[in-house]
Amino acid sequence: MKRVPRKQVVNAWLRLEQEKQSDKEFHIDSTVEESKNIAQLLAHKPDAASIFWKYDFDWFYHEITARELRTLHTIWEGNTIFDVARAIEEDRSSLSETRIEKIKSIASKDTIEELGPLIIYRWKGLQTGPFLADGNHRAVALALRTFAKEDYTTQSVYVGYPANAYSKLARGYFHEFLDRL
């Protein structure tokens, strides 16, 4: 796990949005003030991107294991990505058909991991988590593939963690951070 500046996470997320929303215009510039890129991200993803101004996070880059992946919660009803994937697999999902088809389409690709890092966060006051701020469809697709092929390659993530907790993470308690949540 490596600590990274918030600006790196914002710019990575903007690049992912640009790839997903090719019909919209993005101006990703690593030389501008961070607040301008955050404002742009908020314009495209107001609810999810609000984590950059609502909370004071330290950001980390990490390659998560299958065990860690299982702890991630979607923004959809707070379920884990594996709960959502299992519901899709068993044809009992409450997600819209459009969303399910998008997940299945991503799952059928050769390399989900190349679609970019997931962005996850955990805030102390929440009883569940960690939550995906971005990458819900990709993460559930990855879970579907894990069920189908029973194999998993690590997935890169950016992790937002309360700023005052950095020293604990630095001492190697990342797995505890995910397990407790």
N, C-alpha and C. Protein backbone atom coordinates (compact mmCIF):
# COMPACT_ATOMS: atom_id res chain seq x y z
N MET A 1 0.84 -1.17 0.00
CA MET A 1 0.00 0.00 0.00
C MET A 1 0.89 1.24 0.00
N LYS A 2 0.50 2.19 -0.85
CA LYS A 2 1.31 3.39 -0.99
C LYS A 2 0.42 4.62 -0.86
N ARG A 3 0.85 5.55 -0.06
CA ARG A 3 0.09 6.80 0.10
C ARG A 3 0.23 7.62 -1.18
N VAL A 4 -0.90 8.22 -1.62
CA VAL A 4 -0.91 9.03 -2.84
C VAL A 4 -1.64 10.33 -2.56
N PRO A 5 -1.34 11.37 -3.33
CA PRO A 5 -2.05 12.64 -3.14
C PRO A 5 -3.49 12.54 -3.65
N ARG A 6 -4.38 13.27 -3.01
CA ARG A 6 -5.79 13.29 -3.42
C ARG A 6 -5.94 13.67 -4.89
N LYS A 7 -5.10 14.57 -5.35
CA LYS A 7 -5.16 15.02 -6.73
C LYS A 7 -5.00 13.85 -7.70
N GLN A 8 -4.15 12.90 -7.37
CA GLN A 8 -3.95 11.72 -8.22
C GLN A 8 -5.25 10.91 -8.33
N VAL A 9 -5.96 10.78 -7.22
CA VAL A 9 -7.22 10.04 -7.22
C VAL A 9 -8.27 10.78 -8.04
N VAL A 10 -8.37 12.08 -7.84
CA VAL A 10 -9.33 12.90 -8.59
C VAL A 10 -9.06 12.79 -10.09
N ASN A 11 -7.81 12.95 -10.49
CA ASN A 11 -7.47 12.89 -11.91
C ASN A 11 -7.71 11.51 -12.50
N ALA A 12 -7.41 10.46 -11.74
CA ALA A 12 -7.67 9.09 -12.22
C ALA A 12 -9.17 8.88 -12.42
N TRP A 13 -9.96 9.38 -11.49
CA TRP A 13 -11.41 9.24 -11.59
C TRP A 13 -11.94 10.02 -12.80
N LEU A 14 -11.43 11.22 -13.00
CA LEU A 14 -11.85 12.00 -14.17
C LEU A 14 -11.53 11.26 -15.48
N ARG A 15 -10.34 10.65 -15.54
CA ARG A 15 -9.98 9.89 -16.75
C ARG A 15 -10.94 8.72 -16.98
N LEU A 16 -11.32 8.03 -15.91
CA LEU A 16 -12.28 6.93 -16.03
C LEU A 16 -13.63 7.44 -16.52
N GLU A 17 -14.07 8.58 -15.99
CA GLU A 17 -15.35 9.15 -16.42
C GLU A 17 -15.29 9.57 -17.89
N GLN A 18 -14.15 10.10 -18.30
CA GLN A 18 -13.98 10.51 -19.69
C GLN A 18 -14.12 9.31 -20.63
N GLU A 19 -13.55 8.18 -20.23
CA GLU A 19 -13.65 6.96 -21.04
C GLU A 19 -15.09 6.45 -21.08
N LYS A 20 -15.81 6.54 -19.96
CA LYS A 20 -17.19 6.05 -19.90
C LYS A 20 -18.17 6.99 -20.59
N GLN A 21 -17.89 8.29 -20.54
CA GLN A 21 -18.83 9.28 -21.06
C GLN A 21 -18.18 10.05 -22.20
N SER A 22 -17.89 9.36 -23.26
CA SER A 22 -17.17 9.98 -24.38
C SER A 22 -17.94 11.12 -25.03
N ASP A 23 -19.25 11.19 -24.79
CA ASP A 23 -20.05 12.27 -25.37
C ASP A 23 -19.95 13.58 -24.58
N LYS A 24 -19.32 13.53 -23.41
CA LYS A 24 -19.18 14.73 -22.58
C LYS A 24 -17.75 15.23 -22.64
N GLU A 25 -17.62 16.52 -22.44
CA GLU A 25 -16.29 17.13 -22.53
C GLU A 25 -15.66 17.25 -21.15
N PHE A 26 -14.46 16.74 -21.04
CA PHE A 26 -13.69 16.82 -19.81
C PHE A 26 -12.40 17.57 -20.09
N HIS A 27 -11.92 18.28 -19.10
CA HIS A 27 -10.65 18.99 -19.22
C HIS A 27 -9.77 18.56 -18.06
N ILE A 28 -9.09 17.45 -18.24
CA ILE A 28 -8.23 16.93 -17.18
C ILE A 28 -6.86 17.56 -17.34
N ASP A 29 -6.48 18.28 -16.32
CA ASP A 29 -5.21 18.98 -16.38
C ASP A 29 -4.53 18.84 -15.02
N SER A 30 -3.45 18.13 -14.98
CA SER A 30 -2.77 17.90 -13.71
C SER A 30 -2.05 19.15 -13.21
N THR A 31 -2.00 20.19 -14.03
CA THR A 31 -1.30 21.40 -13.61
C THR A 31 -2.24 22.42 -12.96
N VAL A 32 -3.56 22.24 -13.11
CA VAL A 32 -4.50 23.20 -12.52
C VAL A 32 -4.71 22.90 -11.04
N GLU A 33 -5.34 23.83 -10.37
CA GLU A 33 -5.64 23.64 -8.96
C GLU A 33 -6.55 22.42 -8.80
N GLU A 34 -6.29 21.68 -7.75
CA GLU A 34 -7.06 20.48 -7.48
C GLU A 34 -8.56 20.78 -7.42
N SER A 35 -8.93 21.92 -6.85
CA SER A 35 -10.34 22.25 -6.68
C SER A 35 -11.08 22.34 -8.02
N LYS A 36 -10.39 22.75 -9.09
CA LYS A 36 -11.04 22.82 -10.41
C LYS A 36 -11.37 21.43 -10.93
N ASN A 37 -10.46 20.48 -10.73
CA ASN A 37 -10.74 19.11 -11.16
C ASN A 37 -11.82 18.46 -10.30
N ILE A 38 -11.83 18.78 -9.00
CA ILE A 38 -12.89 18.27 -8.13
C ILE A 38 -14.23 18.84 -8.57
N ALA A 39 -14.28 20.12 -8.89
CA ALA A 39 -15.53 20.74 -9.35
C ALA A 39 -16.03 20.07 -10.62
N GLN A 40 -15.13 19.76 -11.52
CA GLN A 40 -15.50 19.09 -12.76
C GLN A 40 -16.05 17.69 -12.48
N LEU A 41 -15.41 16.98 -11.57
CA LEU A 41 -15.88 15.65 -11.20
C LEU A 41 -17.26 15.73 -10.53
N LEU A 42 -17.43 16.72 -9.67
CA LEU A 42 -18.73 16.91 -9.02
C LEU A 42 -19.83 17.21 -10.03
N ALA A 43 -19.50 17.91 -11.10
CA ALA A 43 -20.49 18.22 -12.13
C ALA A 43 -20.98 16.95 -12.84
N HIS A 44 -20.10 15.96 -12.94
CA HIS A 44 -20.45 14.72 -13.64
C HIS A 44 -20.96 13.63 -12.70
N LYS A 45 -20.49 13.62 -11.45
CA LYS A 45 -20.86 12.58 -10.48
C LYS A 45 -21.10 13.24 -9.11
N PRO A 46 -22.15 14.06 -8.97
CA PRO A 46 -22.30 14.87 -7.77
C PRO A 46 -22.38 14.08 -6.46
N ASP A 47 -23.12 13.00 -6.42
CA ASP A 47 -23.26 12.26 -5.16
C ASP A 47 -21.98 11.55 -4.79
N ALA A 48 -21.45 10.76 -5.70
CA ALA A 48 -20.26 9.97 -5.41
C ALA A 48 -19.03 10.84 -5.17
N ALA A 49 -18.85 11.83 -6.03
CA ALA A 49 -17.64 12.66 -5.94
C ALA A 49 -17.65 13.59 -4.74
N SER A 50 -18.78 13.70 -4.06
CA SER A 50 -18.84 14.59 -2.90
C SER A 50 -17.91 14.14 -1.78
N ILE A 51 -17.39 12.91 -1.85
CA ILE A 51 -16.46 12.45 -0.80
C ILE A 51 -15.22 13.33 -0.73
N PHE A 52 -14.92 14.05 -1.80
CA PHE A 52 -13.72 14.90 -1.78
C PHE A 52 -13.91 16.18 -0.98
N TRP A 53 -15.14 16.60 -0.77
CA TRP A 53 -15.33 17.80 0.04
C TRP A 53 -16.05 17.51 1.35
N LYS A 54 -16.71 16.36 1.47
CA LYS A 54 -17.41 16.03 2.71
C LYS A 54 -16.47 15.51 3.79
N TYR A 55 -15.44 14.81 3.39
CA TYR A 55 -14.58 14.11 4.34
C TYR A 55 -13.12 14.48 4.16
N ASP A 56 -12.39 14.36 5.22
CA ASP A 56 -10.94 14.59 5.18
C ASP A 56 -10.27 13.21 5.15
N PHE A 57 -9.94 12.77 3.95
CA PHE A 57 -9.33 11.45 3.76
C PHE A 57 -7.86 11.56 3.41
N ASP A 58 -7.11 10.57 3.87
CA ASP A 58 -5.80 10.28 3.28
C ASP A 58 -6.09 9.23 2.23
N TRP A 59 -5.35 9.29 1.13
CA TRP A 59 -5.59 8.37 0.02
C TRP A 59 -4.40 7.43 -0.17
N PHE A 60 -4.71 6.19 -0.50
CA PHE A 60 -3.71 5.15 -0.69
C PHE A 60 -4.01 4.38 -1.96
N TYR A 61 -2.94 3.88 -2.57
CA TYR A 61 -3.08 2.99 -3.72
C TYR A 61 -2.74 1.60 -3.21
N HIS A 62 -3.55 0.61 -3.60
CA HIS A 62 -3.36 -0.75 -3.09
C HIS A 62 -3.86 -1.75 -4.12
N GLU A 63 -3.29 -2.93 -4.10
CA GLU A 63 -3.78 -4.05 -4.91
C GLU A 63 -4.50 -4.98 -3.94
N ILE A 64 -5.82 -5.09 -4.06
CA ILE A 64 -6.57 -5.89 -3.09
C ILE A 64 -6.64 -7.35 -3.50
N THR A 65 -6.72 -8.19 -2.50
CA THR A 65 -6.84 -9.63 -2.70
C THR A 65 -8.32 -9.99 -2.87
N ALA A 66 -8.59 -11.23 -3.22
CA ALA A 66 -9.97 -11.70 -3.33
C ALA A 66 -10.69 -11.58 -1.99
N ARG A 67 -9.99 -11.86 -0.91
CA ARG A 67 -10.57 -11.75 0.43
C ARG A 67 -10.97 -10.30 0.72
N GLU A 68 -10.11 -9.37 0.37
CA GLU A 68 -10.42 -7.96 0.58
C GLU A 68 -11.56 -7.50 -0.33
N LEU A 69 -11.56 -8.02 -1.55
CA LEU A 69 -12.61 -7.66 -2.51
C LEU A 69 -13.99 -8.01 -1.96
N ARG A 70 -14.09 -9.12 -1.25
CA ARG A 70 -15.38 -9.58 -0.72
C ARG A 70 -15.98 -8.60 0.30
N THR A 71 -15.17 -7.75 0.89
CA THR A 71 -15.69 -6.83 1.91
C THR A 71 -16.27 -5.55 1.33
N LEU A 72 -16.07 -5.31 0.04
CA LEU A 72 -16.52 -4.05 -0.56
C LEU A 72 -18.03 -4.02 -0.70
N HIS A 73 -18.62 -2.87 -0.40
CA HIS A 73 -20.05 -2.67 -0.52
C HIS A 73 -20.35 -1.73 -1.68
N THR A 74 -21.42 -2.05 -2.40
CA THR A 74 -21.86 -1.18 -3.48
C THR A 74 -22.64 -0.01 -2.91
N ILE A 75 -22.89 0.96 -3.75
CA ILE A 75 -23.76 2.07 -3.34
C ILE A 75 -25.22 1.66 -3.45
N TRP A 76 -25.47 0.49 -4.03
CA TRP A 76 -26.84 0.00 -4.22
C TRP A 76 -27.27 -0.77 -3.00
N GLU A 77 -28.06 -0.18 -2.15
CA GLU A 77 -28.65 -0.81 -0.97
C GLU A 77 -27.61 -1.29 0.04
N GLY A 78 -26.37 -0.88 -0.10
CA GLY A 78 -25.34 -1.23 0.87
C GLY A 78 -24.90 -2.68 0.87
N ASN A 79 -25.27 -3.43 -0.16
CA ASN A 79 -24.89 -4.83 -0.24
C ASN A 79 -23.43 -4.98 -0.67
N THR A 80 -22.82 -6.09 -0.29
CA THR A 80 -21.46 -6.34 -0.77
C THR A 80 -21.52 -6.67 -2.25
N ILE A 81 -20.41 -6.50 -2.93
CA ILE A 81 -20.39 -6.79 -4.36
C ILE A 81 -20.68 -8.26 -4.63
N PHE A 82 -20.29 -9.14 -3.70
CA PHE A 82 -20.57 -10.55 -3.88
C PHE A 82 -22.04 -10.87 -3.66
N ASP A 83 -22.72 -10.15 -2.75
CA ASP A 83 -24.17 -10.31 -2.58
C ASP A 83 -24.89 -9.91 -3.87
N VAL A 84 -24.49 -8.80 -4.44
CA VAL A 84 -25.12 -8.32 -5.68
C VAL A 84 -24.84 -9.30 -6.82
N ALA A 85 -23.60 -9.75 -6.94
CA ALA A 85 -23.23 -10.69 -8.00
C ALA A 85 -24.01 -12.00 -7.86
N ARG A 86 -24.12 -12.51 -6.64
CA ARG A 86 -24.87 -13.75 -6.40
C ARG A 86 -26.33 -13.58 -6.79
N ALA A 87 -26.93 -12.44 -6.44
CA ALA A 87 -28.32 -12.17 -6.79
C ALA A 87 -28.50 -12.13 -8.31
N ILE A 88 -27.55 -11.55 -9.01
CA ILE A 88 -27.61 -11.52 -10.48
C ILE A 88 -27.50 -12.94 -11.02
N GLU A 89 -26.54 -13.68 -10.50
CA GLU A 89 -26.32 -15.05 -10.95
C GLU A 89 -27.56 -15.92 -10.72
N GLU A 90 -28.25 -15.69 -9.63
CA GLU A 90 -29.43 -16.50 -9.27
C GLU A 90 -30.73 -15.87 -9.80
N ASP A 91 -30.61 -14.85 -10.62
CA ASP A 91 -31.75 -14.19 -11.26
C ASP A 91 -32.77 -13.66 -10.25
N ARG A 92 -32.27 -13.07 -9.16
CA ARG A 92 -33.15 -12.51 -8.14
C ARG A 92 -32.74 -11.09 -7.76
N SER A 93 -32.01 -10.44 -8.64
CA SER A 93 -31.51 -9.09 -8.35
C SER A 93 -32.62 -8.06 -8.48
N SER A 94 -32.57 -7.06 -7.61
CA SER A 94 -33.53 -5.95 -7.68
C SER A 94 -33.01 -4.80 -8.55
N LEU A 95 -31.80 -4.97 -9.12
CA LEU A 95 -31.25 -3.93 -9.99
C LEU A 95 -32.02 -3.88 -11.30
N SER A 96 -31.97 -2.74 -11.95
CA SER A 96 -32.64 -2.60 -13.24
C SER A 96 -31.98 -3.51 -14.28
N GLU A 97 -32.75 -3.89 -15.29
CA GLU A 97 -32.21 -4.73 -16.36
C GLU A 97 -31.04 -4.05 -17.06
N THR A 98 -31.13 -2.74 -17.23
CA THR A 98 -30.05 -1.99 -17.87
C THR A 98 -28.76 -2.13 -17.07
N ARG A 99 -28.86 -1.98 -15.77
CA ARG A 99 -27.69 -2.10 -14.90
C ARG A 99 -27.13 -3.52 -14.93
N ILE A 100 -28.01 -4.51 -14.88
CA ILE A 100 -27.57 -5.92 -14.91
C ILE A 100 -26.86 -6.22 -16.23
N GLU A 101 -27.42 -5.75 -17.33
CA GLU A 101 -26.79 -5.99 -18.64
C GLU A 101 -25.42 -5.32 -18.72
N LYS A 102 -25.31 -4.13 -18.15
CA LYS A 102 -24.02 -3.43 -18.15
C LYS A 102 -22.99 -4.24 -17.36
N ILE A 103 -23.39 -4.76 -16.21
CA ILE A 103 -22.48 -5.57 -15.39
C ILE A 103 -22.07 -6.83 -16.14
N LYS A 104 -23.03 -7.50 -16.76
CA LYS A 104 -22.72 -8.73 -17.50
C LYS A 104 -21.81 -8.44 -18.69
N SER A 105 -22.01 -7.30 -19.33
CA SER A 105 -21.16 -6.92 -20.46
C SER A 105 -19.72 -6.71 -20.01
N ILE A 106 -19.55 -6.03 -18.90
CA ILE A 106 -18.20 -5.81 -18.36
C ILE A 106 -17.58 -7.15 -17.97
N ALA A 107 -18.37 -8.02 -17.35
CA ALA A 107 -17.86 -9.32 -16.90
C ALA A 107 -17.39 -10.18 -18.07
N SER A 108 -17.96 -9.97 -19.24
CA SER A 108 -17.59 -10.78 -20.40
C SER A 108 -16.29 -10.32 -21.07
N LYS A 109 -15.79 -9.16 -20.67
CA LYS A 109 -14.54 -8.66 -21.26
C LYS A 109 -13.36 -9.49 -20.78
N ASP A 110 -12.31 -9.49 -21.58
CA ASP A 110 -11.13 -10.28 -21.23
C ASP A 110 -10.42 -9.75 -20.00
N THR A 111 -10.34 -8.44 -19.88
CA THR A 111 -9.54 -7.86 -18.79
C THR A 111 -10.28 -6.72 -18.11
N ILE A 112 -11.01 -7.04 -17.08
CA ILE A 112 -11.70 -6.01 -16.30
C ILE A 112 -10.69 -5.13 -15.58
N GLU A 113 -9.61 -5.75 -15.12
CA GLU A 113 -8.62 -5.03 -14.34
C GLU A 113 -8.03 -3.84 -15.09
N GLU A 114 -7.99 -3.92 -16.41
CA GLU A 114 -7.42 -2.82 -17.20
C GLU A 114 -8.36 -1.63 -17.30
N LEU A 115 -9.56 -1.75 -16.75
CA LEU A 115 -10.51 -0.64 -16.81
C LEU A 115 -10.20 0.42 -15.77
N GLY A 116 -9.22 0.19 -14.94
CA GLY A 116 -8.79 1.20 -13.98
C GLY A 116 -9.09 0.84 -12.55
N PRO A 117 -8.48 1.59 -11.63
CA PRO A 117 -8.66 1.29 -10.21
C PRO A 117 -10.07 1.61 -9.72
N LEU A 118 -10.52 0.83 -8.76
CA LEU A 118 -11.75 1.14 -8.05
C LEU A 118 -11.43 2.23 -7.03
N ILE A 119 -12.43 3.00 -6.65
CA ILE A 119 -12.22 4.04 -5.65
C ILE A 119 -13.14 3.71 -4.48
N ILE A 120 -12.52 3.42 -3.33
CA ILE A 120 -13.28 3.00 -2.16
C ILE A 120 -12.98 3.93 -0.99
N TYR A 121 -13.90 3.93 -0.02
CA TYR A 121 -13.68 4.76 1.16
C TYR A 121 -14.39 4.14 2.35
N ARG A 122 -13.99 4.57 3.49
CA ARG A 122 -14.61 4.16 4.75
C ARG A 122 -14.58 5.35 5.68
N TRP A 123 -15.70 5.66 6.29
CA TRP A 123 -15.74 6.73 7.26
C TRP A 123 -16.12 6.14 8.60
N LYS A 124 -15.52 6.62 9.65
CA LYS A 124 -15.67 6.03 10.98
C LYS A 124 -17.12 5.87 11.44
N GLY A 125 -17.98 6.79 11.10
CA GLY A 125 -19.35 6.74 11.59
C GLY A 125 -20.24 5.70 10.93
N LEU A 126 -19.81 5.14 9.83
CA LEU A 126 -20.63 4.17 9.11
C LEU A 126 -20.53 2.80 9.77
N GLN A 127 -21.61 2.06 9.76
CA GLN A 127 -21.62 0.73 10.36
C GLN A 127 -21.21 -0.35 9.37
N THR A 128 -21.24 -0.05 8.09
CA THR A 128 -20.84 -1.02 7.08
C THR A 128 -19.82 -0.38 6.17
N GLY A 129 -19.34 -1.14 5.25
CA GLY A 129 -18.36 -0.61 4.31
C GLY A 129 -17.19 -1.55 4.25
N PRO A 130 -16.14 -1.25 3.58
CA PRO A 130 -15.94 -0.01 2.83
C PRO A 130 -16.83 0.04 1.59
N PHE A 131 -17.12 1.26 1.17
CA PHE A 131 -18.01 1.48 0.04
C PHE A 131 -17.22 1.85 -1.21
N LEU A 132 -17.78 1.48 -2.32
CA LEU A 132 -17.22 1.89 -3.61
C LEU A 132 -17.79 3.26 -3.95
N ALA A 133 -16.93 4.23 -4.12
CA ALA A 133 -17.36 5.54 -4.61
C ALA A 133 -17.45 5.49 -6.12
N ASP A 134 -16.55 4.75 -6.74
CA ASP A 134 -16.57 4.58 -8.19
C ASP A 134 -16.08 3.18 -8.52
N GLY A 135 -16.75 2.56 -9.47
CA GLY A 135 -16.36 1.23 -9.90
C GLY A 135 -17.34 0.15 -9.48
N ASN A 136 -18.56 0.52 -9.11
CA ASN A 136 -19.55 -0.46 -8.66
C ASN A 136 -19.83 -1.52 -9.73
N HIS A 137 -20.09 -1.09 -10.95
CA HIS A 137 -20.36 -2.05 -12.04
C HIS A 137 -19.16 -2.97 -12.27
N ARG A 138 -17.95 -2.37 -12.31
CA ARG A 138 -16.74 -3.17 -12.54
C ARG A 138 -16.49 -4.17 -11.42
N ALA A 139 -16.71 -3.73 -10.18
CA ALA A 139 -16.47 -4.61 -9.04
C ALA A 139 -17.45 -5.79 -9.02
N VAL A 140 -18.72 -5.53 -9.30
CA VAL A 140 -19.70 -6.63 -9.34
C VAL A 140 -19.38 -7.56 -10.52
N ALA A 141 -18.97 -6.99 -11.64
CA ALA A 141 -18.57 -7.81 -12.78
C ALA A 141 -17.38 -8.70 -12.42
N LEU A 142 -16.44 -8.15 -11.69
CA LEU A 142 -15.28 -8.92 -11.24
C LEU A 142 -15.73 -10.05 -10.31
N ALA A 143 -16.69 -9.77 -9.44
CA ALA A 143 -17.23 -10.81 -8.55
C ALA A 143 -17.92 -11.90 -9.37
N LEU A 144 -18.69 -11.52 -10.39
CA LEU A 144 -19.33 -12.51 -11.26
C LEU A 144 -18.31 -13.41 -11.93
N ARG A 145 -17.23 -12.80 -12.41
CA ARG A 145 -16.17 -13.60 -13.04
C ARG A 145 -15.48 -14.51 -12.04
N THR A 146 -15.34 -14.04 -10.83
CA THR A 146 -14.71 -14.86 -9.79
C THR A 146 -15.57 -16.10 -9.53
N PHE A 147 -16.92 -15.92 -9.53
CA PHE A 147 -17.82 -17.07 -9.37
C PHE A 147 -17.67 -18.03 -10.55
N ALA A 148 -17.69 -17.47 -11.75
CA ALA A 148 -17.70 -18.29 -12.97
C ALA A 148 -16.40 -19.05 -13.17
N LYS A 149 -15.29 -18.38 -12.96
CA LYS A 149 -13.99 -18.98 -13.27
C LYS A 149 -13.23 -19.45 -12.03
N GLU A 150 -13.74 -19.09 -10.88
CA GLU A 150 -13.08 -19.43 -9.62
C GLU A 150 -11.61 -19.03 -9.60
N ASP A 151 -11.33 -17.92 -10.23
CA ASP A 151 -9.97 -17.37 -10.15
C ASP A 151 -10.08 -15.86 -9.99
N TYR A 152 -9.02 -15.28 -9.51
CA TYR A 152 -9.03 -13.85 -9.25
C TYR A 152 -7.62 -13.33 -9.42
N THR A 153 -7.52 -12.24 -10.14
CA THR A 153 -6.26 -11.52 -10.19
C THR A 153 -6.47 -10.25 -9.40
N THR A 154 -5.44 -9.74 -8.80
CA THR A 154 -5.61 -8.58 -7.94
C THR A 154 -6.19 -7.40 -8.70
N GLN A 155 -6.91 -6.59 -7.98
CA GLN A 155 -7.54 -5.40 -8.53
C GLN A 155 -6.94 -4.20 -7.84
N SER A 156 -6.60 -3.18 -8.61
CA SER A 156 -6.06 -1.96 -8.00
C SER A 156 -7.21 -1.11 -7.47
N VAL A 157 -6.93 -0.44 -6.36
CA VAL A 157 -7.91 0.45 -5.73
C VAL A 157 -7.21 1.68 -5.18
N TYR A 158 -7.97 2.75 -5.12
CA TYR A 158 -7.59 3.91 -4.32
C TYR A 158 -8.48 3.83 -3.09
N VAL A 159 -7.88 3.94 -1.92
CA VAL A 159 -8.61 3.83 -0.66
C VAL A 159 -8.57 5.16 0.07
N GLY A 160 -9.75 5.69 0.38
CA GLY A 160 -9.85 6.87 1.21
C GLY A 160 -10.11 6.44 2.64
N TYR A 161 -9.27 6.90 3.54
CA TYR A 161 -9.36 6.51 4.94
C TYR A 161 -9.25 7.78 5.77
N PRO A 162 -10.00 7.87 6.88
CA PRO A 162 -9.95 9.11 7.67
C PRO A 162 -8.52 9.57 7.92
N ALA A 163 -8.29 10.84 7.71
CA ALA A 163 -6.94 11.40 7.74
C ALA A 163 -6.20 11.12 9.04
N ASN A 164 -6.87 11.11 10.15
CA ASN A 164 -6.18 10.92 11.42
C ASN A 164 -5.81 9.46 11.69
N ALA A 165 -6.15 8.56 10.82
CA ALA A 165 -5.87 7.14 11.04
C ALA A 165 -4.68 6.64 10.23
N TYR A 166 -3.96 7.53 9.58
CA TYR A 166 -2.87 7.12 8.70
C TYR A 166 -1.82 6.27 9.41
N SER A 167 -1.46 6.62 10.62
CA SER A 167 -0.38 5.90 11.29
C SER A 167 -0.72 4.42 11.48
N LYS A 168 -1.98 4.12 11.75
CA LYS A 168 -2.37 2.72 11.91
C LYS A 168 -2.24 1.97 10.59
N LEU A 169 -2.67 2.59 9.50
CA LEU A 169 -2.53 1.96 8.18
C LEU A 169 -1.06 1.77 7.84
N ALA A 170 -0.26 2.75 8.18
CA ALA A 170 1.16 2.68 7.87
C ALA A 170 1.84 1.53 8.60
N ARG A 171 1.29 1.14 9.75
CA ARG A 171 1.87 0.03 10.50
C ARG A 171 1.41 -1.33 9.96
N GLY A 172 0.66 -1.34 8.88
CA GLY A 172 0.30 -2.61 8.24
C GLY A 172 -1.03 -3.20 8.64
N TYR A 173 -1.96 -2.37 9.08
CA TYR A 173 -3.25 -2.89 9.50
C TYR A 173 -4.31 -2.74 8.41
N PHE A 174 -3.91 -2.73 7.16
CA PHE A 174 -4.88 -2.54 6.08
C PHE A 174 -5.91 -3.66 6.07
N HIS A 175 -5.48 -4.90 6.27
CA HIS A 175 -6.42 -6.03 6.26
C HIS A 175 -7.42 -5.89 7.40
N GLU A 176 -6.95 -5.44 8.55
CA GLU A 176 -7.86 -5.22 9.68
C GLU A 176 -8.86 -4.13 9.32
N PHE A 177 -8.39 -3.09 8.63
CA PHE A 177 -9.27 -2.01 8.19
C PHE A 177 -10.41 -2.57 7.34
N LEU A 178 -10.10 -3.45 6.42
CA LEU A 178 -11.14 -4.03 5.57
C LEU A 178 -11.98 -5.05 6.33
N ASP A 179 -11.37 -5.87 7.15
CA ASP A 179 -12.09 -6.91 7.88
C ASP A 179 -13.09 -6.34 8.87
N ARG A 180 -12.72 -5.26 9.56
CA ARG A 180 -13.60 -4.68 10.57
C ARG A 180 -14.83 -4.09 9.97
N LEU A 181 -14.81 -3.80 8.70
CA LEU A 181 -15.88 -3.03 8.10
C LEU A 181 -16.93 -3.88 7.59
